[in-house]
Structure formats: C-alpha cells, structure tokens
C-alpha cells in the first residue's frame, strides 16, 4: 500500500542554511560553487520514509511544475535535552530530506 505524498512530506524546512543551499545555483564567486547548478530544497519528512518514497512524493506534489528529483539525502536529527522552568524534557526527533532537483527547476512558495 502506497502512502499519500502529503503524509511522507510534512512541510518545507526554511532556515538560513537551507536558503543558502537554494541560492548556490546562482552563485558565481568560486570555481567550486559554480558547479552547484542543481537547486536543493529541504523538507521535514516522515521518520519511516525511504529516499525513493521521498523522491516520488516530491514529484507528485509538484507535478504541475514538472519537477524532476535527481537525488535525496536524509538526516535524522536526534532529540535534544531542554530545561524549562527547572523541568528537564526532550525535543522530538525528526527526519530532514535534502532534495536535489534538476537544473532549472524551482519550487517557489509564498509562505
């Protein structure tokens, strides 16, 4: 049974570092950076999702934009210990997916 793409891809993860990854496709400052013509987008995904599931889900969600996924890298972020008013707790673990798109593809969403 195949999952719904919106169950696999929870939401887009927009941070300063993910914005830099997306902007590398336009950078011309360095010879190594000029090779990064493929845009990268970061998503929060289901903890049990595989790389193939993530790639298919991104292509289904953005089918009207004809997005082609080249590769997917995943990172599981471990829970961190936090203290709030003297009580010790932990954050939840989550899984990030860095999706590399084909050159020229973009995912521009207005938040």
Protein backbone atom coordinates (compact mmCIF):
# COMPACT_ATOMS: atom_id res chain seq x y z
CA UNK A 1 0.00 0.00 0.00
CA UNK A 2 1.40 3.36 -1.03
CA UNK A 3 1.22 6.34 1.30
CA UNK A 4 -0.25 9.70 0.44
CA UNK A 5 2.56 12.11 -0.63
CA UNK A 6 1.38 14.62 1.98
CA UNK A 7 1.93 12.01 4.72
CA UNK A 8 5.52 11.49 3.57
CA UNK A 9 6.41 15.17 3.06
CA UNK A 10 5.26 17.06 6.15
CA UNK A 11 6.46 20.56 5.26
CA UNK A 12 9.29 22.57 3.81
CA UNK A 13 12.12 23.40 6.21
CA UNK A 14 13.19 27.00 5.71
CA UNK A 15 16.22 28.11 7.68
CA UNK A 16 19.21 30.29 6.90
CA UNK A 17 21.26 27.26 5.89
CA UNK A 18 18.55 25.85 3.61
CA UNK A 19 18.20 29.27 1.95
CA UNK A 20 21.94 29.27 1.25
CA UNK A 21 21.65 25.78 -0.30
CA UNK A 22 18.85 27.01 -2.57
CA UNK A 23 20.84 30.12 -3.54
CA UNK A 24 24.01 28.24 -4.53
CA UNK A 25 22.66 27.74 -8.05
CA UNK A 26 23.06 31.49 -8.75
CA UNK A 27 26.47 31.93 -7.08
CA UNK A 28 29.49 32.73 -9.26
CA UNK A 29 32.08 33.68 -6.61
CA UNK A 30 34.12 30.47 -6.57
CA UNK A 31 35.01 27.77 -9.11
CA UNK A 32 33.72 25.01 -6.80
CA UNK A 33 30.45 26.85 -6.14
CA UNK A 34 29.87 27.44 -9.87
CA UNK A 35 29.45 23.66 -10.24
CA UNK A 36 26.37 23.72 -7.97
CA UNK A 37 23.82 24.42 -10.70
CA UNK A 38 21.23 22.00 -9.33
CA UNK A 39 18.92 23.60 -6.73
CA UNK A 40 18.50 21.90 -3.35
CA UNK A 41 15.35 22.05 -1.23
CA UNK A 42 15.00 20.86 2.39
CA UNK A 43 11.84 19.15 3.69
CA UNK A 44 10.74 17.63 7.00
CA UNK A 45 9.60 14.08 6.21
CA UNK A 46 8.07 11.06 7.93
CA UNK A 47 10.59 9.19 10.10
CA UNK A 48 9.94 5.89 8.27
CA UNK A 49 10.09 7.32 4.73
CA UNK A 50 12.73 5.97 2.36
CA UNK A 51 14.66 8.03 -0.16
CA UNK A 52 12.63 6.56 -3.02
CA UNK A 53 9.34 7.39 -1.23
CA UNK A 54 10.52 10.98 -0.71
CA UNK A 55 11.54 11.41 -4.36
CA UNK A 56 8.22 10.08 -5.65
CA UNK A 57 6.23 12.21 -3.18
CA UNK A 58 8.03 15.43 -4.19
CA UNK A 59 7.45 14.67 -7.88
CA UNK A 60 3.73 14.00 -7.22
CA UNK A 61 3.20 17.10 -5.09
CA UNK A 62 4.88 19.39 -7.63
CA UNK A 63 3.63 17.55 -10.74
CA UNK A 64 2.15 20.73 -12.25
CA UNK A 65 5.62 22.33 -12.21
CA UNK A 66 7.19 19.22 -13.84
CA UNK A 67 9.80 18.81 -11.08
CA UNK A 68 12.43 16.08 -11.58
CA UNK A 69 14.29 14.82 -8.48
CA UNK A 70 17.94 13.88 -9.08
CA UNK A 71 18.91 12.73 -5.58
CA UNK A 72 17.75 12.67 -1.97
CA UNK A 73 19.94 12.87 1.13
CA UNK A 74 18.35 12.22 4.53
CA UNK A 75 19.39 13.23 8.03
CA UNK A 76 17.77 12.07 11.28
CA UNK A 77 18.06 14.84 13.87
CA UNK A 78 18.40 13.41 17.37
CA UNK A 79 16.34 14.77 20.28
CA UNK A 80 17.97 17.47 22.40
CA UNK A 81 17.60 17.92 26.12
CA UNK A 82 15.87 21.16 27.16
CA UNK A 83 15.15 22.79 30.51
CA UNK A 84 12.03 24.85 31.02
CA UNK A 85 11.46 26.35 34.48
CA UNK A 86 13.66 23.72 36.09
CA UNK A 87 11.99 20.77 34.40
CA UNK A 88 14.03 18.59 32.07
CA UNK A 89 12.49 17.47 28.81
CA UNK A 90 13.47 16.48 25.30
CA UNK A 91 12.58 17.74 21.86
CA UNK A 92 11.21 15.27 19.34
CA UNK A 93 13.46 13.64 16.79
CA UNK A 94 12.72 14.35 13.16
CA UNK A 95 13.99 13.48 9.71
CA UNK A 96 15.17 16.04 7.15
CA UNK A 97 15.48 15.37 3.44
CA UNK A 98 17.73 17.44 1.18
CA UNK A 99 16.25 17.02 -2.28
CA UNK A 100 18.39 17.88 -5.32
CA UNK A 101 16.32 18.98 -8.29
CA UNK A 102 17.18 19.00 -11.97
CA UNK A 103 18.96 22.11 -13.23
CA UNK A 104 16.47 24.88 -13.97
CA UNK A 105 13.68 23.52 -11.72
CA UNK A 106 12.46 25.70 -8.86
CA UNK A 107 9.96 25.41 -6.04
CA UNK A 108 8.87 28.93 -5.20
CA UNK A 109 6.21 29.06 -2.50
CA UNK A 110 4.93 32.12 -0.76
CA UNK A 111 4.67 31.38 2.95
